[in-house]
Amino acid sequence: MQVTRRTFTLGASALVLTGCSGGGTAQVASSSKVDPAFLPQPNASYDKWVAAFKKRAASRGISNATLTAAFRGQGYLPGVIDRDRNQTEFKRSLEDYLAIVAPEEKVSIGRNAYAGQRQALAQVEARYGVPSEFLASIWGLESYFGTKRGTIPVISATSTLAWEGRRGRFFESNLMNALRIVQSGDAKPSQLVGSWAGAMGHTQLIPDAYQSHAVDFDGDGKRDIWSNNPIDAFATTARFLQKAGWRKGRTWGLEVRLPSGFDAGIGHRNKRSVDSWRSLGVKAAAGGGLPDHGSAAILAPMGRDKPAFLVFHNFNMIKRYNPSDNYALGVGYMASRLAGGGPLKTPFGRDKYGLVLEERKALQSGLTRAGFDAGRPDGVIGKKTEAAIRGFEKSKGLPITGTPSPSLLSMLR
């Protein structure tokens, strides 16, 4: 989990923060290719803040030995502040977000990972009532099914964001709890690595959430969310959702088709009974009848002619994990795919450039073939693709726009 625009509390804190390690945001990949923004850098003001914080921590029972061990090699990381300002869940359209967090190749990988953890997930589901495919979906969005758990030091990340001050109290609380994790022996300082926001482990738990909800599900005497065995992380996430109010036996929502001229109101505030939506001509996009899991709202993030969704109570429980609509829709979508469902039925159609997703992917591939690296061909037009376009345009003597277009795609094919 990673840092959200706002935080929700159950007991001590929200469980996750946005910008998940596995959700497509940049992470420190290896010691040989560390972004300098994620290496400790001199900052006298930060150092002064840390000195004052250590006194506060000592007054709350944190030992000098813990403080010395935990802060050894830590420091100010400017990169985490930049990440806090640019969270994918809130910056991208739903189409782009799903292309980043739930592309077809990830669905395929996820189904294999889900099958490999089916027994563990079933045991957790039996205790907490949260369906295994939802837990696996969160696992996928947060850490790419455990393969990208993050490498940014938690002590550095949380202390930097606490010093920066925009959400100082929130991050200071997480820093304090990270120290308690070390002092209790639950983890060594070297294990406390994760996302830019201090989220750790398979399902990216922040330290506050770990302290409030972590579970020793396998009975080995440790609440271990860091090891290669994800069962404690699954159980912690399920326990959080259960405590948040997850309704057992009910789903999050589904894709729907809206009738022509639909004007009954879209958004969270317009909740109606399923019978009412049926009477207005709303139908399940995949066919069959609309399930009734209580009052529901309709979301159409990109407009009425794009994919629309009927969302129930449990959709909002996913948002307790991360308050982004895109994130919750991504979790629901990936859960359905892991359970064997197909892609969305309603196409997103052409974007503002006149291109569909597959054409944007082809454009990126064409740029890379031409010697201008556009990155992974995911169809999401970002800074790297724009820079590649500018490079190509310059090489051809074209006006330099950095903007994709059908004519540019034709040139690259």
Protein backbone atom coordinates (compact mmCIF):
# COMPACT_ATOMS: atom_id res chain seq x y z
CA MET A 1 0.00 0.00 0.00
CA GLN A 2 1.16 3.44 -0.48
CA VAL A 3 0.29 6.93 0.41
CA THR A 4 -3.15 8.18 -0.36
CA ARG A 5 -4.45 11.67 -0.89
CA ARG A 6 -6.37 11.22 2.32
CA THR A 7 -6.11 8.57 4.97
CA PHE A 8 -8.78 6.42 6.53
CA THR A 9 -8.40 4.95 9.96
CA LEU A 10 -9.29 1.65 11.50
CA GLY A 11 -7.67 1.68 14.88
CA ALA A 12 -4.36 3.39 14.14
CA SER A 13 -4.26 4.07 10.45
CA ALA A 14 -5.04 3.40 6.85
CA LEU A 15 -3.57 0.19 5.54
CA VAL A 16 -2.13 1.22 2.24
CA LEU A 17 -0.66 4.18 0.50
CA THR A 18 -0.92 4.83 -3.20
CA GLY A 19 1.82 4.48 -5.77
CA CYS A 20 2.12 0.76 -5.23
CA SER A 21 5.32 -1.09 -5.92
CA GLY A 22 3.62 -3.28 -8.47
CA GLY A 23 1.28 -0.72 -9.93
CA GLY A 24 3.51 0.67 -12.61
CA THR A 25 5.14 3.51 -10.68
CA ALA A 26 8.89 3.71 -10.81
CA GLN A 27 10.79 1.97 -8.05
CA VAL A 28 14.45 1.56 -7.27
CA ALA A 29 15.25 -1.54 -9.28
CA SER A 30 18.70 -2.54 -8.06
CA SER A 31 21.76 -1.25 -6.28
CA SER A 32 23.49 -0.81 -9.63
CA LYS A 33 20.78 1.42 -11.07
CA VAL A 34 19.63 3.52 -8.14
CA ASP A 35 17.92 6.78 -9.00
CA PRO A 36 19.98 9.47 -7.19
CA ALA A 37 16.71 10.92 -5.90
CA PHE A 38 16.36 7.78 -3.77
CA LEU A 39 19.85 7.97 -2.29
CA PRO A 40 20.39 9.92 0.97
CA GLN A 41 21.35 13.50 0.21
CA PRO A 42 22.60 16.29 2.49
CA ASN A 43 19.89 18.39 4.08
CA ALA A 44 20.66 20.32 7.25
CA SER A 45 17.00 21.06 7.99
CA TYR A 46 16.13 17.36 7.74
CA ASP A 47 19.04 16.45 10.03
CA LYS A 48 17.83 18.94 12.62
CA TRP A 49 14.33 17.49 12.41
CA VAL A 50 15.64 13.95 12.89
CA ALA A 51 17.61 15.00 15.98
CA ALA A 52 14.45 16.44 17.52
CA PHE A 53 12.42 13.41 16.49
CA LYS A 54 14.86 11.04 18.17
CA LYS A 55 14.25 12.84 21.47
CA ARG A 56 10.50 12.44 21.00
CA ALA A 57 10.94 8.77 20.12
CA ALA A 58 13.11 8.15 23.18
CA SER A 59 10.44 9.75 25.38
CA ARG A 60 7.97 7.22 23.97
CA GLY A 61 10.04 4.19 24.79
CA ILE A 62 12.26 3.77 21.74
CA SER A 63 15.71 2.71 22.92
CA ASN A 64 18.96 4.36 21.88
CA ALA A 65 20.07 1.02 20.45
CA THR A 66 16.99 0.88 18.21
CA LEU A 67 17.41 4.48 17.09
CA THR A 68 21.07 3.93 16.27
CA ALA A 69 20.43 0.73 14.33
CA ALA A 70 17.35 2.01 12.50
CA PHE A 71 18.84 5.32 11.34
CA ARG A 72 22.23 3.92 10.36
CA GLY A 73 22.74 4.73 6.67
CA GLN A 74 19.38 6.50 6.37
CA GLY A 75 18.78 10.06 5.20
CA TYR A 76 16.81 12.61 3.22
CA LEU A 77 15.32 11.23 -0.04
CA PRO A 78 13.99 13.96 -2.38
CA GLY A 79 12.48 11.33 -4.68
CA VAL A 80 9.78 10.33 -2.23
CA ILE A 81 8.43 13.87 -2.14
CA ASP A 82 8.12 13.88 -5.92
CA ARG A 83 6.30 10.52 -5.81
CA ASP A 84 3.91 11.90 -3.21
CA ARG A 85 2.96 14.63 -5.66
CA ASN A 86 2.47 12.35 -8.67
CA GLN A 87 0.40 9.30 -7.86
CA THR A 88 -0.66 7.17 -10.82
CA GLU A 89 -4.10 6.34 -9.40
CA PHE A 90 -5.05 10.00 -9.43
CA LYS A 91 -3.17 11.23 -12.49
CA ARG A 92 -4.19 8.75 -15.21
CA SER A 93 -7.43 7.95 -17.00
CA LEU A 94 -9.01 4.60 -16.17
CA GLU A 95 -7.91 3.23 -19.54
CA ASP A 96 -4.29 4.20 -18.91
CA TYR A 97 -4.42 2.97 -15.33
CA LEU A 98 -5.70 -0.47 -16.33
CA ALA A 99 -3.10 -0.63 -19.09
CA ILE A 100 -0.44 -0.05 -16.44
CA VAL A 101 -1.69 -2.28 -13.60
CA ALA A 102 -3.64 -5.00 -15.41
CA PRO A 103 -2.30 -5.65 -18.93
CA GLU A 104 -2.92 -9.06 -20.48
CA GLU A 105 0.57 -10.35 -19.73
CA LYS A 106 0.12 -9.50 -16.06
CA VAL A 107 -3.24 -11.28 -15.99
CA SER A 108 -1.53 -14.40 -17.34
CA ILE A 109 1.25 -14.18 -14.76
CA GLY A 110 -1.31 -13.49 -12.08
CA ARG A 111 -3.40 -16.54 -12.84
CA ASN A 112 -0.32 -18.73 -12.35
CA ALA A 113 0.57 -16.94 -9.11
CA TYR A 114 -3.04 -17.23 -7.91
CA ALA A 115 -3.07 -20.95 -8.62
CA GLY A 116 0.18 -21.35 -6.70
CA GLN A 117 -1.32 -19.70 -3.60
CA ARG A 118 -4.84 -21.10 -3.93
CA GLN A 119 -4.66 -23.19 -0.76
CA ALA A 120 -3.27 -20.39 1.39
CA LEU A 121 -5.79 -17.90 0.03
CA ALA A 122 -8.67 -20.32 0.64
CA GLN A 123 -7.61 -20.70 4.27
CA VAL A 124 -7.53 -16.94 4.73
CA GLU A 125 -10.89 -16.54 2.98
CA ALA A 126 -12.45 -19.14 5.27
CA ARG A 127 -11.42 -17.17 8.35
CA TYR A 128 -12.09 -13.60 7.23
CA GLY A 129 -14.72 -13.91 4.50
CA VAL A 130 -12.85 -11.94 1.83
CA PRO A 131 -12.78 -13.83 -1.50
CA SER A 132 -9.41 -15.19 -2.46
CA GLU A 133 -9.44 -13.56 -5.90
CA PHE A 134 -9.73 -10.11 -4.29
CA LEU A 135 -6.79 -10.79 -2.00
CA ALA A 136 -4.79 -12.06 -4.97
CA SER A 137 -5.80 -8.99 -6.96
CA ILE A 138 -4.56 -6.62 -4.25
CA TRP A 139 -1.37 -8.70 -4.11
CA GLY A 140 -1.01 -8.18 -7.86
CA LEU A 141 -1.62 -4.43 -7.87
CA GLU A 142 0.51 -3.79 -4.81
CA SER A 143 3.60 -5.88 -5.53
CA TYR A 144 3.13 -7.61 -8.89
CA PHE A 145 2.29 -10.85 -7.09
CA GLY A 146 5.18 -10.52 -4.68
CA THR A 147 7.88 -9.90 -7.27
CA LYS A 148 8.18 -6.11 -6.78
CA ARG A 149 8.00 -5.35 -3.09
CA GLY A 150 10.07 -2.18 -3.30
CA THR A 151 13.62 -1.36 -2.23
CA ILE A 152 13.34 2.14 -0.78
CA PRO A 153 14.32 2.28 2.92
CA VAL A 154 11.23 2.79 5.06
CA ILE A 155 13.02 4.82 7.74
CA SER A 156 14.38 7.25 5.13
CA ALA A 157 11.06 7.51 3.27
CA THR A 158 8.84 8.11 6.29
CA SER A 159 11.29 10.48 7.98
CA THR A 160 11.65 12.52 4.78
CA LEU A 161 7.90 12.83 4.35
CA ALA A 162 7.40 13.58 8.04
CA TRP A 163 10.03 16.35 7.83
CA GLU A 164 8.51 17.72 4.60
CA GLY A 165 5.32 18.29 6.54
CA ARG A 166 2.42 18.09 4.10
CA ARG A 167 1.19 15.10 6.06
CA GLY A 168 3.78 15.32 8.79
CA ARG A 169 1.77 13.79 11.64
CA PHE A 170 0.74 10.83 9.50
CA PHE A 171 4.28 10.01 8.43
CA GLU A 172 5.78 10.64 11.85
CA SER A 173 3.32 8.11 13.24
CA ASN A 174 4.46 5.59 10.64
CA LEU A 175 8.10 6.33 11.35
CA MET A 176 7.51 5.74 15.05
CA ASN A 177 5.79 2.45 14.34
CA ALA A 178 8.60 1.39 12.01
CA LEU A 179 10.94 1.84 14.95
CA ARG A 180 8.62 -0.23 17.14
CA ILE A 181 8.73 -3.01 14.54
CA VAL A 182 12.53 -3.00 14.82
CA GLN A 183 12.52 -2.78 18.61
CA SER A 184 10.07 -5.67 19.00
CA GLY A 185 12.24 -7.89 16.83
CA ASP A 186 9.53 -8.38 14.19
CA ALA A 187 11.99 -7.25 11.53
CA LYS A 188 15.55 -6.05 11.17
CA PRO A 189 16.18 -2.53 9.84
CA SER A 190 17.50 -4.06 6.61
CA GLN A 191 14.11 -5.71 6.03
CA LEU A 192 12.24 -2.41 6.24
CA VAL A 193 12.28 -1.55 2.56
CA GLY A 194 9.35 -0.93 0.28
CA SER A 195 7.59 1.86 -1.59
CA TRP A 196 8.30 5.57 -1.65
CA ALA A 197 5.72 5.97 1.14
CA GLY A 198 7.06 3.34 3.51
CA ALA A 199 4.71 0.54 2.48
CA MET A 200 6.18 -2.93 2.87
CA GLY A 201 5.76 -6.54 1.95
CA HIS A 202 3.52 -8.49 -0.41
CA THR A 203 0.45 -6.29 0.06
CA GLN A 204 2.39 -3.10 0.86
CA LEU A 205 1.51 -2.42 4.48
CA ILE A 206 2.50 0.85 6.07
CA PRO A 207 3.95 0.56 9.59
CA ASP A 208 0.83 1.96 11.31
CA ALA A 209 -1.30 -0.69 9.63
CA TYR A 210 1.17 -3.42 10.44
CA GLN A 211 1.01 -2.53 14.12
CA SER A 212 -2.80 -2.48 14.12
CA HIS A 213 -3.67 -5.41 11.88
CA ALA A 214 -0.72 -7.72 11.22
CA VAL A 215 -1.49 -11.41 11.71
CA ASP A 216 0.69 -14.45 12.44
CA PHE A 217 -1.59 -16.65 10.36
CA ASP A 218 0.76 -19.59 9.92
CA GLY A 219 1.56 -19.77 13.63
CA ASP A 220 5.35 -19.57 13.31
CA GLY A 221 5.61 -16.91 16.00
CA LYS A 222 6.18 -14.03 13.58
CA ARG A 223 3.90 -11.56 11.84
CA ASP A 224 6.04 -11.85 8.75
CA ILE A 225 4.97 -9.86 5.70
CA TRP A 226 8.52 -9.72 4.30
CA SER A 227 9.40 -13.35 3.55
CA ASN A 228 8.67 -15.17 0.31
CA ASN A 229 5.65 -16.79 1.99
CA PRO A 230 2.81 -14.26 1.59
CA ILE A 231 0.22 -15.90 3.86
CA ASP A 232 0.63 -13.47 6.77
CA ALA A 233 0.29 -10.56 4.34
CA PHE A 234 -2.87 -12.10 2.84
CA ALA A 235 -4.35 -12.56 6.29
CA THR A 236 -3.48 -9.03 7.38
CA THR A 237 -5.12 -7.56 4.29
CA ALA A 238 -8.20 -9.74 4.75
CA ARG A 239 -8.44 -8.79 8.42
CA PHE A 240 -8.24 -5.13 7.53
CA LEU A 241 -11.03 -5.43 4.97
CA GLN A 242 -13.15 -7.46 7.37
CA LYS A 243 -12.73 -4.82 10.08
CA ALA A 244 -13.45 -2.08 7.56
CA GLY A 245 -16.86 -3.64 6.90
CA TRP A 246 -16.45 -6.09 4.02
CA ARG A 247 -19.74 -7.94 3.48
CA LYS A 248 -19.16 -11.64 3.07
CA GLY A 249 -20.77 -13.28 0.05
CA ARG A 250 -21.21 -10.01 -1.83
CA THR A 251 -19.23 -8.65 -4.73
CA TRP A 252 -17.77 -5.22 -5.43
CA GLY A 253 -19.68 -4.49 -8.63
CA LEU A 254 -19.68 -5.26 -12.33
CA GLU A 255 -19.42 -3.67 -15.75
CA VAL A 256 -22.77 -2.52 -17.10
CA ARG A 257 -24.23 -1.10 -20.29
CA LEU A 258 -26.19 2.12 -20.05
CA PRO A 259 -29.19 2.73 -22.30
CA SER A 260 -29.06 5.38 -25.00
CA GLY A 261 -29.77 8.80 -23.57
CA PHE A 262 -29.18 7.63 -19.99
CA ASP A 263 -29.50 10.63 -17.70
CA ALA A 264 -30.40 9.13 -14.33
CA GLY A 265 -27.25 10.38 -12.66
CA ILE A 266 -23.74 9.01 -12.33
CA GLY A 267 -21.53 9.09 -9.27
CA HIS A 268 -21.22 7.88 -5.71
CA ARG A 269 -23.96 10.12 -4.35
CA ASN A 270 -26.69 8.73 -6.60
CA LYS A 271 -27.38 5.35 -5.02
CA ARG A 272 -30.43 3.36 -6.00
CA SER A 273 -31.77 -0.12 -5.58
CA VAL A 274 -30.82 -2.65 -8.22
CA ASP A 275 -34.49 -2.88 -9.22
CA SER A 276 -34.48 0.85 -9.87
CA TRP A 277 -31.42 0.60 -12.10
CA ARG A 278 -32.98 -2.31 -13.97
CA SER A 279 -36.11 -0.27 -14.59
CA LEU A 280 -33.97 2.48 -16.09
CA GLY A 281 -32.52 0.05 -18.63
CA VAL A 282 -29.14 -0.68 -17.03
CA LYS A 283 -27.90 -4.14 -18.04
CA ALA A 284 -24.94 -6.35 -17.23
CA ALA A 285 -22.31 -5.88 -19.96
CA ALA A 286 -21.49 -9.59 -19.95
CA GLY A 287 -25.16 -10.59 -20.23
CA GLY A 288 -27.52 -12.08 -17.70
CA GLY A 289 -29.28 -10.23 -14.94
CA LEU A 290 -27.96 -7.64 -12.54
CA PRO A 291 -27.01 -9.18 -9.19
CA ASP A 292 -28.56 -7.57 -6.14
CA HIS A 293 -26.05 -6.83 -3.39
CA GLY A 294 -27.83 -3.82 -1.94
CA SER A 295 -28.00 -0.21 -3.04
CA ALA A 296 -25.56 0.70 -5.78
CA ALA A 297 -24.15 3.62 -7.71
CA ILE A 298 -23.03 3.87 -11.32
CA LEU A 299 -19.55 5.07 -12.19
CA ALA A 300 -18.51 6.03 -15.71
CA PRO A 301 -15.04 7.56 -15.19
CA MET A 302 -14.48 8.39 -18.86
CA GLY A 303 -18.02 9.15 -19.94
CA ARG A 304 -21.31 7.39 -20.60
CA ASP A 305 -20.15 5.89 -23.90
CA LYS A 306 -17.09 4.29 -22.26
CA PRO A 307 -16.97 1.42 -19.74
CA ALA A 308 -19.43 1.96 -16.88
CA PHE A 309 -19.78 0.09 -13.62
CA LEU A 310 -22.47 -0.65 -11.06
CA VAL A 311 -20.69 -0.56 -7.68
CA PHE A 312 -21.86 -1.90 -4.33
CA HIS A 313 -20.83 -1.54 -0.70
CA ASN A 314 -17.69 -3.66 -1.04
CA PHE A 315 -16.33 -1.30 -3.69
CA ASN A 316 -16.08 1.30 -0.95
CA MET A 317 -14.32 -1.22 1.29
CA ILE A 318 -11.62 -1.58 -1.35
CA LYS A 319 -11.37 2.21 -1.26
CA ARG A 320 -10.62 1.99 2.45
CA TYR A 321 -7.42 0.30 1.32
CA ASN A 322 -6.76 3.08 -1.19
CA PRO A 323 -9.30 5.87 -1.83
CA SER A 324 -8.80 6.10 -5.58
CA ASP A 325 -11.74 5.02 -7.76
CA ASN A 326 -9.23 3.85 -10.36
CA TYR A 327 -7.51 1.67 -7.78
CA ALA A 328 -10.76 0.08 -6.61
CA LEU A 329 -11.89 -0.52 -10.20
CA GLY A 330 -8.47 -1.98 -10.95
CA VAL A 331 -8.74 -4.39 -8.01
CA GLY A 332 -12.24 -5.44 -9.05
CA TYR A 333 -11.22 -5.88 -12.66
CA MET A 334 -8.10 -7.90 -11.86
CA ALA A 335 -10.07 -10.05 -9.41
CA SER A 336 -12.56 -10.94 -12.13
CA ARG A 337 -9.74 -11.75 -14.56
CA LEU A 338 -7.95 -13.96 -12.02
CA ALA A 339 -11.22 -15.81 -11.49
CA GLY A 340 -11.44 -16.53 -15.23
CA GLY A 341 -13.37 -13.54 -16.50
CA GLY A 342 -12.63 -11.77 -19.74
CA PRO A 343 -11.64 -8.20 -20.64
CA LEU A 344 -14.07 -5.31 -20.42
CA LYS A 345 -16.91 -5.59 -22.92
CA THR A 346 -17.20 -1.91 -23.72
CA PRO A 347 -14.28 -0.45 -25.70
CA PHE A 348 -12.64 2.75 -24.55
CA GLY A 349 -12.52 3.89 -28.17
CA ARG A 350 -10.22 6.51 -29.65
CA ASP A 351 -8.36 8.93 -27.45
CA LYS A 352 -7.87 12.66 -27.96
CA TYR A 353 -5.12 11.87 -30.47
CA GLY A 354 -7.44 9.73 -32.59
CA LEU A 355 -5.76 6.45 -31.57
CA VAL A 356 -6.95 3.33 -29.80
CA LEU A 357 -4.82 1.42 -27.28
CA GLU A 358 -3.35 -1.07 -29.76
CA GLU A 359 -2.39 1.76 -32.10
CA ARG A 360 -0.62 3.59 -29.28
CA LYS A 361 1.28 0.38 -28.51
CA ALA A 362 2.23 0.06 -32.19
CA LEU A 363 3.41 3.66 -32.21
CA GLN A 364 5.64 3.04 -29.18
CA SER A 365 7.06 -0.12 -30.75
CA GLY A 366 7.71 1.75 -34.00
CA LEU A 367 9.55 4.53 -32.19
CA THR A 368 11.79 2.03 -30.43
CA ARG A 369 12.51 0.21 -33.72
CA ALA A 370 13.47 3.55 -35.24
CA GLY A 371 16.05 4.07 -32.50
CA PHE A 372 14.02 6.25 -30.13
CA ASP A 373 13.31 4.34 -26.93
CA ALA A 374 9.65 4.73 -25.99
CA GLY A 375 9.83 2.18 -23.17
CA ARG A 376 7.54 -0.79 -22.75
CA PRO A 377 4.79 -0.66 -25.39
CA ASP A 378 1.87 -0.38 -23.00
CA GLY A 379 -0.13 2.21 -24.92
CA VAL A 380 0.23 4.80 -22.16
CA ILE A 381 1.62 8.07 -23.50
CA GLY A 382 4.03 9.40 -20.90
CA LYS A 383 7.16 11.50 -20.78
CA LYS A 384 9.35 8.78 -22.28
CA THR A 385 7.07 8.31 -25.28
CA GLU A 386 6.77 12.06 -25.78
CA ALA A 387 10.56 12.41 -25.69
CA ALA A 388 10.89 9.60 -28.23
CA ILE A 389 8.40 11.33 -30.52
CA ARG A 390 10.33 14.59 -30.29
CA GLY A 391 13.53 12.76 -31.14
CA PHE A 392 11.95 11.10 -34.16
CA GLU A 393 10.38 14.36 -35.35
CA LYS A 394 13.71 16.15 -35.08
CA SER A 395 15.47 13.40 -37.03
CA LYS A 396 12.95 13.77 -39.86
CA GLY A 397 12.93 17.55 -39.94
CA LEU A 398 9.32 17.66 -38.76
CA PRO A 399 7.76 20.22 -36.43
CA ILE A 400 8.67 19.09 -32.91
CA THR A 401 5.46 18.46 -31.00
CA GLY A 402 5.99 15.33 -28.90
CA THR A 403 2.38 14.47 -29.67
CA PRO A 404 1.17 11.12 -31.07
CA SER A 405 -1.06 11.07 -34.13
CA PRO A 406 -2.39 8.71 -36.81
CA SER A 407 -0.02 10.25 -39.36
CA LEU A 408 2.96 9.64 -37.09
CA LEU A 409 1.87 6.03 -36.63
CA SER A 410 1.70 5.62 -40.43
CA MET A 411 5.26 6.87 -40.75
CA LEU A 412 6.48 4.37 -38.15
CA ARG A 413 4.78 1.30 -39.61
